[in-house]
Amino acid sequence: MRFDLRAWCALLRAPGVGSKTYHTLLEAFGSPEAFFHAP
């Protein structure tokens, strides 16, 4: 599986995103890339 490390780091460093929110977003979108490409 290929992934963009920049997307992972950006999501981890986003204001207001802690570990619980991070995991919730990953469950909902599947990957940070999918989160950033969502409408």
PDB file of N, CA and C in Angstrom:
ATOM      1  N   MET A   1       0.840  -1.179   0.000  1.00  0.00           N
ATOM      2  CA  MET A   1       0.000   0.000   0.000  1.00  0.00           C
ATOM      3  C   MET A   1       0.884   1.241   0.000  1.00  0.00           C
ATOM      4  N   ARG A   2       0.676   2.116  -0.951  1.00  0.00           N
ATOM      5  CA  ARG A   2       1.434   3.365  -1.003  1.00  0.00           C
ATOM      6  C   ARG A   2       0.632   4.458  -0.322  1.00  0.00           C
ATOM      7  N   PHE A   3       1.315   5.336   0.329  1.00  0.00           N
ATOM      8  CA  PHE A   3       0.622   6.452   0.956  1.00  0.00           C
ATOM      9  C   PHE A   3       1.513   7.678   0.934  1.00  0.00           C
ATOM     10  N   ASP A   4       0.890   8.808   1.084  1.00  0.00           N
ATOM     11  CA  ASP A   4       1.596  10.076   1.088  1.00  0.00           C
ATOM     12  C   ASP A   4       1.869  10.478   2.534  1.00  0.00           C
ATOM     13  N   LEU A   5       3.118  10.424   2.921  1.00  0.00           N
ATOM     14  CA  LEU A   5       3.503  10.756   4.292  1.00  0.00           C
ATOM     15  C   LEU A   5       3.104  12.183   4.649  1.00  0.00           C
ATOM     16  N   ARG A   6       3.130  13.077   3.663  1.00  0.00           N
ATOM     17  CA  ARG A   6       2.743  14.468   3.930  1.00  0.00           C
ATOM     18  C   ARG A   6       1.299  14.569   4.399  1.00  0.00           C
ATOM     19  N   ALA A   7       0.414  13.775   3.813  1.00  0.00           N
ATOM     20  CA  ALA A   7      -0.994  13.806   4.216  1.00  0.00           C
ATOM     21  C   ALA A   7      -1.155  13.298   5.643  1.00  0.00           C
ATOM     22  N   TRP A   8      -0.433  12.247   5.991  1.00  0.00           N
ATOM     23  CA  TRP A   8      -0.504  11.711   7.359  1.00  0.00           C
ATOM     24  C   TRP A   8      -0.025  12.759   8.358  1.00  0.00           C
ATOM     25  N   CYS A   9       1.085  13.402   8.057  1.00  0.00           N
ATOM     26  CA  CYS A   9       1.639  14.411   8.967  1.00  0.00           C
ATOM     27  C   CYS A   9       0.728  15.628   9.065  1.00  0.00           C
ATOM     28  N   ALA A  10       0.175  16.051   7.935  1.00  0.00           N
ATOM     29  CA  ALA A  10      -0.721  17.212   7.942  1.00  0.00           C
ATOM     30  C   ALA A  10      -1.944  16.949   8.809  1.00  0.00           C
ATOM     31  N   LEU A  11      -2.507  15.766   8.700  1.00  0.00           N
ATOM     32  CA  LEU A  11      -3.681  15.442   9.510  1.00  0.00           C
ATOM     33  C   LEU A  11      -3.312  15.366  10.990  1.00  0.00           C
ATOM     34  N   LEU A  12      -2.180  14.793  11.299  1.00  0.00           N
ATOM     35  CA  LEU A  12      -1.745  14.702  12.700  1.00  0.00           C
ATOM     36  C   LEU A  12      -1.489  16.072  13.312  1.00  0.00           C
ATOM     37  N   ARG A  13      -1.035  17.017  12.493  1.00  0.00           N
ATOM     38  CA  ARG A  13      -0.692  18.348  12.996  1.00  0.00           C
ATOM     39  C   ARG A  13      -1.818  19.364  12.855  1.00  0.00           C
ATOM     40  N   ALA A  14      -2.947  18.964  12.323  1.00  0.00           N
ATOM     41  CA  ALA A  14      -4.060  19.895  12.132  1.00  0.00           C
ATOM     42  C   ALA A  14      -4.574  20.384  13.488  1.00  0.00           C
ATOM     43  N   PRO A  15      -4.860  21.680  13.586  1.00  0.00           N
ATOM     44  CA  PRO A  15      -5.381  22.215  14.848  1.00  0.00           C
ATOM     45  C   PRO A  15      -6.682  21.524  15.247  1.00  0.00           C
ATOM     46  N   GLY A  16      -6.775  21.148  16.496  1.00  0.00           N
ATOM     47  CA  GLY A  16      -7.987  20.529  17.011  1.00  0.00           C
ATOM     48  C   GLY A  16      -8.097  19.037  16.760  1.00  0.00           C
ATOM     49  N   VAL A  17      -7.102  18.461  16.108  1.00  0.00           N
ATOM     50  CA  VAL A  17      -7.133  17.022  15.828  1.00  0.00           C
ATOM     51  C   VAL A  17      -6.201  16.315  16.802  1.00  0.00           C
ATOM     52  N   GLY A  18      -6.811  15.649  17.761  1.00  0.00           N
ATOM     53  CA  GLY A  18      -6.054  14.844  18.708  1.00  0.00           C
ATOM     54  C   GLY A  18      -6.120  13.390  18.294  1.00  0.00           C
ATOM     55  N   SER A  19      -5.679  12.517  19.161  1.00  0.00           N
ATOM     56  CA  SER A  19      -5.627  11.099  18.802  1.00  0.00           C
ATOM     57  C   SER A  19      -7.015  10.507  18.562  1.00  0.00           C
ATOM     58  N   LYS A  20      -7.997  10.902  19.373  1.00  0.00           N
ATOM     59  CA  LYS A  20      -9.351  10.360  19.200  1.00  0.00           C
ATOM     60  C   LYS A  20      -9.958  10.828  17.875  1.00  0.00           C
ATOM     61  N   THR A  21      -9.842  12.113  17.586  1.00  0.00           N
ATOM     62  CA  THR A  21     -10.369  12.653  16.328  1.00  0.00           C
ATOM     63  C   THR A  21      -9.636  12.053  15.145  1.00  0.00           C
ATOM     64  N   TYR A  22      -8.344  11.906  15.264  1.00  0.00           N
ATOM     65  CA  TYR A  22      -7.534  11.323  14.194  1.00  0.00           C
ATOM     66  C   TYR A  22      -8.040   9.923  13.845  1.00  0.00           C
ATOM     67  N   HIS A  23      -8.241   9.104  14.852  1.00  0.00           N
ATOM     68  CA  HIS A  23      -8.706   7.733  14.608  1.00  0.00           C
ATOM     69  C   HIS A  23     -10.137   7.712  14.072  1.00  0.00           C
ATOM     70  N   THR A  24     -10.967   8.629  14.544  1.00  0.00           N
ATOM     71  CA  THR A  24     -12.334   8.723  14.032  1.00  0.00           C
ATOM     72  C   THR A  24     -12.320   9.087  12.551  1.00  0.00           C
ATOM     73  N   LEU A  25     -11.475  10.036  12.169  1.00  0.00           N
ATOM     74  CA  LEU A  25     -11.367  10.433  10.761  1.00  0.00           C
ATOM     75  C   LEU A  25     -10.842   9.286   9.905  1.00  0.00           C
ATOM     76  N   LEU A  26      -9.866   8.558  10.414  1.00  0.00           N
ATOM     77  CA  LEU A  26      -9.342   7.419   9.653  1.00  0.00           C
ATOM     78  C   LEU A  26     -10.398   6.339   9.470  1.00  0.00           C
ATOM     79  N   GLU A  27     -11.208   6.106  10.494  1.00  0.00           N
ATOM     80  CA  GLU A  27     -12.290   5.122  10.359  1.00  0.00           C
ATOM     81  C   GLU A  27     -13.305   5.574   9.318  1.00  0.00           C
ATOM     82  N   ALA A  28     -13.609   6.860   9.303  1.00  0.00           N
ATOM     83  CA  ALA A  28     -14.626   7.384   8.394  1.00  0.00           C
ATOM     84  C   ALA A  28     -14.138   7.472   6.950  1.00  0.00           C
ATOM     85  N   PHE A  29     -12.886   7.889   6.754  1.00  0.00           N
ATOM     86  CA  PHE A  29     -12.382   8.140   5.407  1.00  0.00           C
ATOM     87  C   PHE A  29     -11.431   7.071   4.889  1.00  0.00           C
ATOM     88  N   GLY A  30     -10.847   6.292   5.775  1.00  0.00           N
ATOM     89  CA  GLY A  30      -9.951   5.227   5.348  1.00  0.00           C
ATOM     90  C   GLY A  30      -8.494   5.623   5.257  1.00  0.00           C
ATOM     91  N   SER A  31      -8.232   6.894   4.939  1.00  0.00           N
ATOM     92  CA  SER A  31      -6.854   7.381   4.852  1.00  0.00           C
ATOM     93  C   SER A  31      -6.862   8.902   4.908  1.00  0.00           C
ATOM     94  N   PRO A  32      -5.734   9.501   5.274  1.00  0.00           N
ATOM     95  CA  PRO A  32      -5.654  10.957   5.253  1.00  0.00           C
ATOM     96  C   PRO A  32      -5.854  11.524   3.842  1.00  0.00           C
ATOM     97  N   GLU A  33      -5.355  10.817   2.834  1.00  0.00           N
ATOM     98  CA  GLU A  33      -5.523  11.282   1.459  1.00  0.00           C
ATOM     99  C   GLU A  33      -7.002  11.405   1.118  1.00  0.00           C
ATOM    100  N   ALA A  34      -7.787  10.409   1.500  1.00  0.00           N
ATOM    101  CA  ALA A  34      -9.227  10.438   1.230  1.00  0.00           C
ATOM    102  C   ALA A  34      -9.889  11.593   1.975  1.00  0.00           C
ATOM    103  N   PHE A  35      -9.450  11.862   3.183  1.00  0.00           N
ATOM    104  CA  PHE A  35      -9.994  12.979   3.949  1.00  0.00           C
ATOM    105  C   PHE A  35      -9.747  14.296   3.227  1.00  0.00           C
ATOM    106  N   PHE A  36      -8.520  14.521   2.772  1.00  0.00           N
ATOM    107  CA  PHE A  36      -8.186  15.785   2.120  1.00  0.00           C
ATOM    108  C   PHE A  36      -8.816  15.927   0.738  1.00  0.00           C
ATOM    109  N   HIS A  37      -9.210  14.831   0.116  1.00  0.00           N
ATOM    110  CA  HIS A  37      -9.853  14.892  -1.197  1.00  0.00           C
ATOM    111  C   HIS A  37     -11.375  14.873  -1.117  1.00  0.00           C
ATOM    112  N   ALA A  38     -11.916  14.756   0.084  1.00  0.00           N
ATOM    113  CA  ALA A  38     -13.378  14.723   0.250  1.00  0.00           C
ATOM    114  C   ALA A  38     -13.967  16.099  -0.071  1.00  0.00           C
ATOM    115  N   PRO A  39     -15.154  16.113  -0.670  1.00  0.00           N
ATOM    116  CA  PRO A  39     -15.794  17.410  -0.983  1.00  0.00           C
ATOM    117  C   PRO A  39     -16.235  18.149   0.266  1.00  0.00           C
TER     118      PRO A  39
END
